[in-house]
PDB file of N, CA and C in Angstrom:
ATOM      1  N   MET A   1       0.837  -1.117  -0.052  1.00  0.00           N
ATOM      2  CA  MET A   1      -0.147   0.045   0.097  1.00  0.00           C
ATOM      3  C   MET A   1       0.919   1.226   0.084  1.00  0.00           C
ATOM      4  N   PRO A   2       0.635   2.050  -1.035  1.00  0.00           N
ATOM      5  CA  PRO A   2       1.384   3.382  -1.020  1.00  0.00           C
ATOM      6  C   PRO A   2       1.261   4.270   0.322  1.00  0.00           C
ATOM      7  N   ARG A   3       2.443   4.809   0.616  1.00  0.00           N
ATOM      8  CA  ARG A   3       2.265   5.959   1.752  1.00  0.00           C
ATOM      9  C   ARG A   3       2.311   7.302   1.028  1.00  0.00           C
ATOM     10  N   TYR A   4       1.413   8.121   1.683  1.00  0.00           N
ATOM     11  CA  TYR A   4       1.345   9.493   1.161  1.00  0.00           C
ATOM     12  C   TYR A   4       2.139  10.531   1.973  1.00  0.00           C
ATOM     13  N   ILE A   5       2.442  11.512   1.319  1.00  0.00           N
ATOM     14  CA  ILE A   5       3.401  12.531   2.007  1.00  0.00           C
ATOM     15  C   ILE A   5       2.617  13.877   2.103  1.00  0.00           C
ATOM     16  N   ASP A   6       2.907  14.552   2.783  1.00  0.00           N
ATOM     17  CA  ASP A   6       2.542  15.954   2.941  1.00  0.00           C
ATOM     18  C   ASP A   6       3.467  17.044   2.302  1.00  0.00           C
ATOM     19  N   ALA A   7       3.286  17.462   0.907  1.00  0.00           N
ATOM     20  CA  ALA A   7       4.409  17.899   0.215  1.00  0.00           C
ATOM     21  C   ALA A   7       4.810  19.213   0.951  1.00  0.00           C
ATOM     22  N   GLU A   8       3.952  20.020   1.649  1.00  0.00           N
ATOM     23  CA  GLU A   8       4.413  21.240   2.461  1.00  0.00           C
ATOM     24  C   GLU A   8       5.425  20.934   3.398  1.00  0.00           C
ATOM     25  N   GLN A   9       5.151  19.868   4.037  1.00  0.00           N
ATOM     26  CA  GLN A   9       6.100  19.456   5.097  1.00  0.00           C
ATOM     27  C   GLN A   9       7.411  18.933   4.603  1.00  0.00           C
ATOM     28  N   ALA A  10       7.375  18.260   3.468  1.00  0.00           N
ATOM     29  CA  ALA A  10       8.557  17.855   2.737  1.00  0.00           C
ATOM     30  C   ALA A  10       9.640  19.097   2.252  1.00  0.00           C
ATOM     31  N   ARG A  11       8.778  20.112   1.884  1.00  0.00           N
ATOM     32  CA  ARG A  11       9.389  21.374   1.494  1.00  0.00           C
ATOM     33  C   ARG A  11      10.021  22.018   2.737  1.00  0.00           C
ATOM     34  N   MET A  12       9.498  21.949   3.753  1.00  0.00           N
ATOM     35  CA  MET A  12       9.885  22.455   4.925  1.00  0.00           C
ATOM     36  C   MET A  12      11.217  21.881   5.735  1.00  0.00           C
ATOM     37  N   ALA A  13      11.538  20.463   5.126  1.00  0.00           N
ATOM     38  CA  ALA A  13      12.578  19.837   5.832  1.00  0.00           C
ATOM     39  C   ALA A  13      13.950  20.266   5.148  1.00  0.00           C
ATOM     40  N   LYS A  14      13.961  21.486   4.458  1.00  0.00           N
ATOM     41  CA  LYS A  14      15.233  21.931   3.899  1.00  0.00           C
ATOM     42  C   LYS A  14      16.004  22.596   4.630  1.00  0.00           C
ATOM     43  N   VAL A  15      17.135  22.880   4.557  1.00  0.00           N
ATOM     44  CA  VAL A  15      18.128  23.687   5.267  1.00  0.00           C
ATOM     45  C   VAL A  15      17.796  24.986   5.171  1.00  0.00           C
ATOM     46  N   PRO A  16      17.602  26.152   6.004  1.00  0.00           N
ATOM     47  CA  PRO A  16      17.230  27.505   6.135  1.00  0.00           C
ATOM     48  C   PRO A  16      18.220  28.022   4.969  1.00  0.00           C
ATOM     49  N   TYR A  17      17.803  29.076   4.305  1.00  0.00           N
ATOM     50  CA  TYR A  17      18.586  29.608   3.276  1.00  0.00           C
ATOM     51  C   TYR A  17      19.722  30.534   3.925  1.00  0.00           C
ATOM     52  N   ASP A  18      20.901  30.419   3.292  1.00  0.00           N
ATOM     53  CA  ASP A  18      22.085  31.129   3.652  1.00  0.00           C
ATOM     54  C   ASP A  18      22.882  31.412   2.698  1.00  0.00           C
ATOM     55  N   ASP A  19      23.596  32.409   2.777  1.00  0.00           N
ATOM     56  CA  ASP A  19      24.540  32.588   1.535  1.00  0.00           C
ATOM     57  C   ASP A  19      25.581  31.750   1.298  1.00  0.00           C
ATOM     58  N   GLU A  20      26.079  31.065   2.492  1.00  0.00           N
ATOM     59  CA  GLU A  20      27.113  30.183   2.326  1.00  0.00           C
ATOM     60  C   GLU A  20      26.564  28.762   2.618  1.00  0.00           C
ATOM     61  N   LEU A  21      25.683  28.329   2.039  1.00  0.00           N
ATOM     62  CA  LEU A  21      25.186  26.897   2.008  1.00  0.00           C
ATOM     63  C   LEU A  21      26.200  26.116   1.399  1.00  0.00           C
ATOM     64  N   THR A  22      26.582  24.733   2.075  1.00  0.00           N
ATOM     65  CA  THR A  22      27.734  23.879   1.484  1.00  0.00           C
ATOM     66  C   THR A  22      26.903  23.046   0.252  1.00  0.00           C
ATOM     67  N   GLU A  23      27.800  22.434  -0.435  1.00  0.00           N
ATOM     68  CA  GLU A  23      27.303  21.821  -1.628  1.00  0.00           C
ATOM     69  C   GLU A  23      26.332  20.660  -1.168  1.00  0.00           C
ATOM     70  N   TYR A  24      26.607  20.204   0.060  1.00  0.00           N
ATOM     71  CA  TYR A  24      25.698  19.115   0.669  1.00  0.00           C
ATOM     72  C   TYR A  24      24.271  19.733   0.886  1.00  0.00           C
ATOM     73  N   GLU A  25      24.218  20.782   1.398  1.00  0.00           N
ATOM     74  CA  GLU A  25      23.068  21.555   1.844  1.00  0.00           C
ATOM     75  C   GLU A  25      22.224  22.040   0.779  1.00  0.00           C
ATOM     76  N   ARG A  26      22.979  22.309  -0.302  1.00  0.00           N
ATOM     77  CA  ARG A  26      22.355  22.807  -1.555  1.00  0.00           C
ATOM     78  C   ARG A  26      21.497  21.413  -2.084  1.00  0.00           C
ATOM     79  N   GLY A  27      22.423  20.399  -2.094  1.00  0.00           N
ATOM     80  CA  GLY A  27      21.956  19.095  -2.804  1.00  0.00           C
ATOM     81  C   GLY A  27      20.700  18.632  -1.886  1.00  0.00           C
ATOM     82  N   TRP A  28      20.546  18.873  -0.538  1.00  0.00           N
ATOM     83  CA  TRP A  28      19.642  18.430   0.367  1.00  0.00           C
ATOM     84  C   TRP A  28      18.390  19.115  -0.109  1.00  0.00           C
ATOM     85  N   ASN A  29      18.542  20.600  -0.129  1.00  0.00           N
ATOM     86  CA  ASN A  29      17.360  21.539  -0.501  1.00  0.00           C
ATOM     87  C   ASN A  29      16.731  21.064  -1.710  1.00  0.00           C
ATOM     88  N   ASP A  30      17.653  20.694  -2.799  1.00  0.00           N
ATOM     89  CA  ASP A  30      17.086  20.426  -4.145  1.00  0.00           C
ATOM     90  C   ASP A  30      16.305  19.125  -4.004  1.00  0.00           C
ATOM     91  N   ALA A  31      16.925  18.088  -3.206  1.00  0.00           N
ATOM     92  CA  ALA A  31      16.176  16.908  -3.011  1.00  0.00           C
ATOM     93  C   ALA A  31      14.787  16.853  -2.365  1.00  0.00           C
ATOM     94  N   CYS A  32      14.652  17.854  -1.353  1.00  0.00           N
ATOM     95  CA  CYS A  32      13.589  18.025  -0.711  1.00  0.00           C
ATOM     96  C   CYS A  32      12.379  18.634  -1.685  1.00  0.00           C
ATOM     97  N   LYS A  33      13.030  19.769  -2.490  1.00  0.00           N
ATOM     98  CA  LYS A  33      12.011  20.082  -3.379  1.00  0.00           C
ATOM     99  C   LYS A  33      11.624  19.247  -4.289  1.00  0.00           C
ATOM    100  N   ALA A  34      12.622  18.554  -4.948  1.00  0.00           N
ATOM    101  CA  ALA A  34      12.121  17.627  -6.060  1.00  0.00           C
ATOM    102  C   ALA A  34      11.109  16.332  -5.490  1.00  0.00           C
ATOM    103  N   ILE A  35      11.275  15.968  -4.232  1.00  0.00           N
ATOM    104  CA  ILE A  35      10.512  15.178  -3.725  1.00  0.00           C
ATOM    105  C   ILE A  35       8.978  15.528  -3.521  1.00  0.00           C
ATOM    106  N   ALA A  36       8.928  16.834  -3.193  1.00  0.00           N
ATOM    107  CA  ALA A  36       7.751  17.665  -2.790  1.00  0.00           C
ATOM    108  C   ALA A  36       6.934  17.858  -4.162  1.00  0.00           C
ATOM    109  N   ASP A  37       7.909  18.413  -5.095  1.00  0.00           N
ATOM    110  CA  ASP A  37       7.210  18.711  -6.543  1.00  0.00           C
ATOM    111  C   ASP A  37       6.841  17.567  -7.362  1.00  0.00           C
ATOM    112  N   ASN A  38       7.253  16.341  -7.145  1.00  0.00           N
ATOM    113  CA  ASN A  38       7.204  15.160  -7.904  1.00  0.00           C
ATOM    114  C   ASN A  38       6.273  14.021  -7.243  1.00  0.00           C
ATOM    115  N   ALA A  39       5.970  14.320  -6.126  1.00  0.00           N
ATOM    116  CA  ALA A  39       5.347  13.061  -5.357  1.00  0.00           C
ATOM    117  C   ALA A  39       3.779  12.929  -6.010  1.00  0.00           C
ATOM    118  N   GLU A  40       3.442  11.819  -6.131  1.00  0.00           N
ATOM    119  CA  GLU A  40       2.122  11.528  -6.694  1.00  0.00           C
ATOM    120  C   GLU A  40       0.974  12.165  -5.542  1.00  0.00           C
ATOM    121  N   THR A  41       0.019  12.652  -6.342  1.00  0.00           N
ATOM    122  CA  THR A  41      -1.047  13.103  -5.492  1.00  0.00           C
ATOM    123  C   THR A  41      -2.138  11.887  -5.383  1.00  0.00           C
ATOM    124  N   ALA A  42      -3.012  12.079  -4.425  1.00  0.00           N
ATOM    125  CA  ALA A  42      -3.853  11.117  -3.982  1.00  0.00           C
ATOM    126  C   ALA A  42      -5.257  11.598  -3.989  1.00  0.00           C
ATOM    127  N   ASP A  43      -6.370  10.886  -4.414  1.00  0.00           N
ATOM    128  CA  ASP A  43      -7.584  11.365  -4.318  1.00  0.00           C
ATOM    129  C   ASP A  43      -8.125  10.878  -2.977  1.00  0.00           C
ATOM    130  N   VAL A  44      -7.900  11.498  -1.852  1.00  0.00           N
ATOM    131  CA  VAL A  44      -8.300  11.073  -0.654  1.00  0.00           C
ATOM    132  C   VAL A  44      -9.409  12.061  -0.068  1.00  0.00           C
ATOM    133  N   VAL A  45     -10.223  11.517   0.929  1.00  0.00           N
ATOM    134  CA  VAL A  45     -11.330  12.194   1.552  1.00  0.00           C
ATOM    135  C   VAL A  45     -11.007  11.988   3.059  1.00  0.00           C
ATOM    136  N   GLU A  46     -11.430  12.827   3.948  1.00  0.00           N
ATOM    137  CA  GLU A  46     -11.272  12.748   5.181  1.00  0.00           C
ATOM    138  C   GLU A  46     -12.492  11.811   5.794  1.00  0.00           C
ATOM    139  N   VAL A  47     -12.157  10.633   6.538  1.00  0.00           N
ATOM    140  CA  VAL A  47     -12.948   9.859   7.090  1.00  0.00           C
ATOM    141  C   VAL A  47     -13.725  10.167   8.388  1.00  0.00           C
ATOM    142  N   VAL A  48     -14.892  10.179   8.379  1.00  0.00           N
ATOM    143  CA  VAL A  48     -15.673  10.663   9.614  1.00  0.00           C
ATOM    144  C   VAL A  48     -15.944   9.317  10.319  1.00  0.00           C
ATOM    145  N   ARG A  49     -15.423   9.099  11.564  1.00  0.00           N
ATOM    146  CA  ARG A  49     -15.748   7.965  12.276  1.00  0.00           C
ATOM    147  C   ARG A  49     -17.189   8.017  12.980  1.00  0.00           C
ATOM    148  N   CYS A  50     -17.715   7.018  13.205  1.00  0.00           N
ATOM    149  CA  CYS A  50     -19.192   6.994  13.650  1.00  0.00           C
ATOM    150  C   CYS A  50     -19.253   7.863  14.940  1.00  0.00           C
ATOM    151  N   LYS A  51     -18.101   7.815  16.168  1.00  0.00           N
ATOM    152  CA  LYS A  51     -18.222   8.654  17.111  1.00  0.00           C
ATOM    153  C   LYS A  51     -18.408   9.972  16.866  1.00  0.00           C
ATOM    154  N   ASP A  52     -17.935  10.514  15.878  1.00  0.00           N
ATOM    155  CA  ASP A  52     -17.978  11.937  15.485  1.00  0.00           C
ATOM    156  C   ASP A  52     -19.108  12.262  14.505  1.00  0.00           C
ATOM    157  N   CYS A  53     -20.012  11.240  14.133  1.00  0.00           N
ATOM    158  CA  CYS A  53     -20.850  11.537  12.984  1.00  0.00           C
ATOM    159  C   CYS A  53     -22.139  11.985  13.600  1.00  0.00           C
ATOM    160  N   LYS A  54     -22.737  12.838  12.775  1.00  0.00           N
ATOM    161  CA  LYS A  54     -23.907  13.756  13.137  1.00  0.00           C
ATOM    162  C   LYS A  54     -25.329  12.672  13.067  1.00  0.00           C
ATOM    163  N   HIS A  55     -25.043  11.609  12.454  1.00  0.00           N
ATOM    164  CA  HIS A  55     -26.013  10.518  12.273  1.00  0.00           C
ATOM    165  C   HIS A  55     -26.092   9.504  13.549  1.00  0.00           C
ATOM    166  N   SER A  56     -25.163   9.744  14.493  1.00  0.00           N
ATOM    167  CA  SER A  56     -25.024   8.749  15.642  1.00  0.00           C
ATOM    168  C   SER A  56     -26.039   9.287  16.645  1.00  0.00           C
ATOM    169  N   GLU A  57     -27.211   8.611  17.152  1.00  0.00           N
ATOM    170  CA  GLU A  57     -28.336   9.048  17.765  1.00  0.00           C
ATOM    171  C   GLU A  57     -27.901   8.897  19.337  1.00  0.00           C
ATOM    172  N   TYR A  58     -27.490   7.672  19.726  1.00  0.00           N
ATOM    173  CA  TYR A  58     -27.083   7.448  20.964  1.00  0.00           C
ATOM    174  C   TYR A  58     -26.287   6.339  21.058  1.00  0.00           C
ATOM    175  N   TRP A  59     -25.504   6.019  22.180  1.00  0.00           N
ATOM    176  CA  TRP A  59     -24.686   4.885  22.418  1.00  0.00           C
ATOM    177  C   TRP A  59     -24.947   4.081  23.561  1.00  0.00           C
ATOM    178  N   TYR A  60     -24.991   2.684  23.303  1.00  0.00           N
ATOM    179  CA  TYR A  60     -25.229   1.771  24.378  1.00  0.00           C
ATOM    180  C   TYR A  60     -23.877   0.803  24.410  1.00  0.00           C
ATOM    181  N   ARG A  61     -23.099   0.934  25.572  1.00  0.00           N
ATOM    182  CA  ARG A  61     -21.813   0.279  25.702  1.00  0.00           C
ATOM    183  C   ARG A  61     -20.833   0.664  24.423  1.00  0.00           C
ATOM    184  N   ASP A  62     -20.593  -0.217  23.815  1.00  0.00           N
ATOM    185  CA  ASP A  62     -19.728   0.169  22.423  1.00  0.00           C
ATOM    186  C   ASP A  62     -20.505   0.280  21.152  1.00  0.00           C
ATOM    187  N   LYS A  63     -21.802   0.157  21.111  1.00  0.00           N
ATOM    188  CA  LYS A  63     -22.562   0.199  19.990  1.00  0.00           C
ATOM    189  C   LYS A  63     -23.389   1.632  19.954  1.00  0.00           C
ATOM    190  N   CYS A  64     -23.686   1.776  18.621  1.00  0.00           N
ATOM    191  CA  CYS A  64     -24.303   3.170  18.458  1.00  0.00           C
ATOM    192  C   CYS A  64     -25.777   2.796  17.690  1.00  0.00           C
ATOM    193  N   ARG A  65     -26.686   3.722  17.898  1.00  0.00           N
ATOM    194  CA  ARG A  65     -27.906   3.814  16.935  1.00  0.00           C
ATOM    195  C   ARG A  65     -27.572   4.800  16.127  1.00  0.00           C
ATOM    196  N   CYS A  66     -27.676   4.485  14.767  1.00  0.00           N
ATOM    197  CA  CYS A  66     -27.385   5.258  13.718  1.00  0.00           C
ATOM    198  C   CYS A  66     -28.533   5.613  12.956  1.00  0.00           C
ATOM    199  N   SER A  67     -28.888   6.715  12.609  1.00  0.00           N
ATOM    200  CA  SER A  67     -30.387   7.035  11.954  1.00  0.00           C
ATOM    201  C   SER A  67     -30.068   6.541  10.775  1.00  0.00           C
ATOM    202  N   LEU A  68     -29.103   6.180   9.903  1.00  0.00           N
ATOM    203  CA  LEU A  68     -28.840   5.621   8.710  1.00  0.00           C
ATOM    204  C   LEU A  68     -29.152   4.106   8.569  1.00  0.00           C
ATOM    205  N   TRP A  69     -28.373   3.291   9.449  1.00  0.00           N
ATOM    206  CA  TRP A  69     -27.988   2.056   9.336  1.00  0.00           C
ATOM    207  C   TRP A  69     -28.843   1.143  10.415  1.00  0.00           C
ATOM    208  N   SER A  70     -29.330   1.653  11.444  1.00  0.00           N
ATOM    209  CA  SER A  70     -29.837   0.745  12.451  1.00  0.00           C
ATOM    210  C   SER A  70     -31.202   0.136  12.078  1.00  0.00           C
ATOM    211  N   GLU A  71     -31.915   0.876  11.268  1.00  0.00           N
ATOM    212  CA  GLU A  71     -33.168   0.319  10.630  1.00  0.00           C
ATOM    213  C   GLU A  71     -33.171  -0.799   9.982  1.00  0.00           C
ATOM    214  N   ILE A  72     -31.998  -1.381   9.320  1.00  0.00           N
ATOM    215  CA  ILE A  72     -31.824  -2.482   8.388  1.00  0.00           C
ATOM    216  C   ILE A  72     -30.904  -3.543   9.426  1.00  0.00           C
ATOM    217  N   GLY A  73     -30.629  -3.272  10.589  1.00  0.00           N
ATOM    218  CA  GLY A  73     -29.939  -4.203  11.508  1.00  0.00           C
ATOM    219  C   GLY A  73     -28.497  -4.252  11.579  1.00  0.00           C
ATOM    220  N   ILE A  74     -28.013  -3.180  11.027  1.00  0.00           N
ATOM    221  CA  ILE A  74     -26.340  -3.194  11.070  1.00  0.00           C
ATOM    222  C   ILE A  74     -25.934  -2.551  12.238  1.00  0.00           C
ATOM    223  N   ASP A  75     -25.132  -3.244  13.005  1.00  0.00           N
ATOM    224  CA  ASP A  75     -24.570  -2.662  14.266  1.00  0.00           C
ATOM    225  C   ASP A  75     -23.529  -1.667  13.943  1.00  0.00           C
ATOM    226  N   VAL A  76     -23.360  -0.553  14.408  1.00  0.00           N
ATOM    227  CA  VAL A  76     -22.333   0.538  14.250  1.00  0.00           C
ATOM    228  C   VAL A  76     -21.515   0.702  15.492  1.00  0.00           C
ATOM    229  N   PHE A  77     -20.221   0.785  15.353  1.00  0.00           N
ATOM    230  CA  PHE A  77     -19.308   0.889  16.480  1.00  0.00           C
ATOM    231  C   PHE A  77     -18.633   2.321  16.307  1.00  0.00           C
ATOM    232  N   GLU A  78     -18.021   2.705  17.450  1.00  0.00           N
ATOM    233  CA  GLU A  78     -17.549   4.164  17.290  1.00  0.00           C
ATOM    234  C   GLU A  78     -16.334   4.224  16.396  1.00  0.00           C
ATOM    235  N   ASP A  79     -15.559   3.116  16.198  1.00  0.00           N
ATOM    236  CA  ASP A  79     -14.540   3.486  15.287  1.00  0.00           C
ATOM    237  C   ASP A  79     -14.691   3.132  13.771  1.00  0.00           C
ATOM    238  N   GLY A  80     -16.073   2.766  13.633  1.00  0.00           N
ATOM    239  CA  GLY A  80     -16.576   2.526  12.168  1.00  0.00           C
ATOM    240  C   GLY A  80     -16.805   3.630  11.426  1.00  0.00           C
ATOM    241  N   PHE A  81     -17.078   3.605  10.237  1.00  0.00           N
ATOM    242  CA  PHE A  81     -17.303   4.681   9.396  1.00  0.00           C
ATOM    243  C   PHE A  81     -18.177   4.138   8.017  1.00  0.00           C
ATOM    244  N   CYS A  82     -18.753   5.192   7.423  1.00  0.00           N
ATOM    245  CA  CYS A  82     -19.356   4.725   6.150  1.00  0.00           C
ATOM    246  C   CYS A  82     -19.255   5.977   5.222  1.00  0.00           C
ATOM    247  N   SER A  83     -19.737   5.826   3.916  1.00  0.00           N
ATOM    248  CA  SER A  83     -19.494   6.826   2.957  1.00  0.00           C
ATOM    249  C   SER A  83     -20.559   7.850   3.165  1.00  0.00           C
ATOM    250  N   TYR A  84     -21.505   7.798   4.148  1.00  0.00           N
ATOM    251  CA  TYR A  84     -22.548   8.797   4.335  1.00  0.00           C
ATOM    252  C   TYR A  84     -22.112   9.760   5.665  1.00  0.00           C
ATOM    253  N   GLY A  85     -21.098   9.398   6.149  1.00  0.00           N
ATOM    254  CA  GLY A  85     -20.690  10.109   7.503  1.00  0.00           C
ATOM    255  C   GLY A  85     -20.493  11.441   7.248  1.00  0.00           C
ATOM    256  N   GLU A  86     -21.155  12.324   8.132  1.00  0.00           N
ATOM    257  CA  GLU A  86     -20.842  13.827   7.994  1.00  0.00           C
ATOM    258  C   GLU A  86     -20.621  14.124   9.458  1.00  0.00           C
ATOM    259  N   ARG A  87     -19.618  14.906   9.629  1.00  0.00           N
ATOM    260  CA  ARG A  87     -18.965  15.516  11.086  1.00  0.00           C
ATOM    261  C   ARG A  87     -20.060  16.387  11.727  1.00  0.00           C
ATOM    262  N   ARG A  88     -20.136  16.303  12.987  1.00  0.00           N
ATOM    263  CA  ARG A  88     -21.262  16.793  13.761  1.00  0.00           C
ATOM    264  C   ARG A  88     -20.631  17.966  14.063  1.00  0.00           C
ATOM    265  N   GLU A  89     -21.316  18.950  14.155  1.00  0.00           N
ATOM    266  CA  GLU A  89     -20.932  20.574  14.435  1.00  0.00           C
ATOM    267  C   GLU A  89     -20.407  20.690  15.916  1.00  0.00           C
ATOM    268  N   ASP A  90     -19.349  21.546  15.995  1.00  0.00           N
ATOM    269  CA  ASP A  90     -19.008  21.705  17.404  1.00  0.00           C
ATOM    270  C   ASP A  90     -20.043  21.939  18.385  1.00  0.00           C
ATOM    271  N   GLY A  91     -19.859  21.433  19.454  1.00  0.00           N
ATOM    272  CA  GLY A  91     -20.775  21.637  20.499  1.00  0.00           C
ATOM    273  C   GLY A  91     -22.049  20.664  20.424  1.00  0.00           C
ATOM    274  N   GLU A  92     -22.236  20.068  19.290  1.00  0.00           N
ATOM    275  CA  GLU A  92     -23.464  19.331  19.129  1.00  0.00           C
ATOM    276  C   GLU A  92     -23.037  17.909  19.780  1.00  0.00           C
ATOM    277  N   SER A  93     -23.975  17.411  20.500  1.00  0.00           N
ATOM    278  CA  SER A  93     -23.652  16.149  21.308  1.00  0.00           C
ATOM    279  C   SER A  93     -24.704  15.075  21.078  1.00  0.00           C
ATOM    280  N   ILE A  94     -24.299  13.873  21.470  1.00  0.00           N
ATOM    281  CA  ILE A  94     -25.282  12.751  21.252  1.00  0.00           C
ATOM    282  C   ILE A  94     -25.469  12.207  22.582  1.00  0.00           C
ATOM    283  N   SER A  95     -26.585  11.630  22.899  1.00  0.00           N
ATOM    284  CA  SER A  95     -26.925  11.113  24.212  1.00  0.00           C
ATOM    285  C   SER A  95     -25.944   9.964  24.548  1.00  0.00           C
TER     286      SER A  95
END
């Protein structure tokens, strides 16, 4: 499975600019820039876990009643997720 990088973080790994960088430091900076510029992009989305989802209505032990899935008999757990998950607003709580 591929690992994804944060291109901005890779760019920040470079040696701070100085008029008297060594050849090694210039090479390091060039390598950091090349990695960040040429890294593959990924089509990713943030996963909303059931414990943070606005469709979670209440918890009983480690299971949740989900307004989307409970009607058809699917148990939902706090670390689960689905493609319909939507993050709860700040301050909004479940029972």
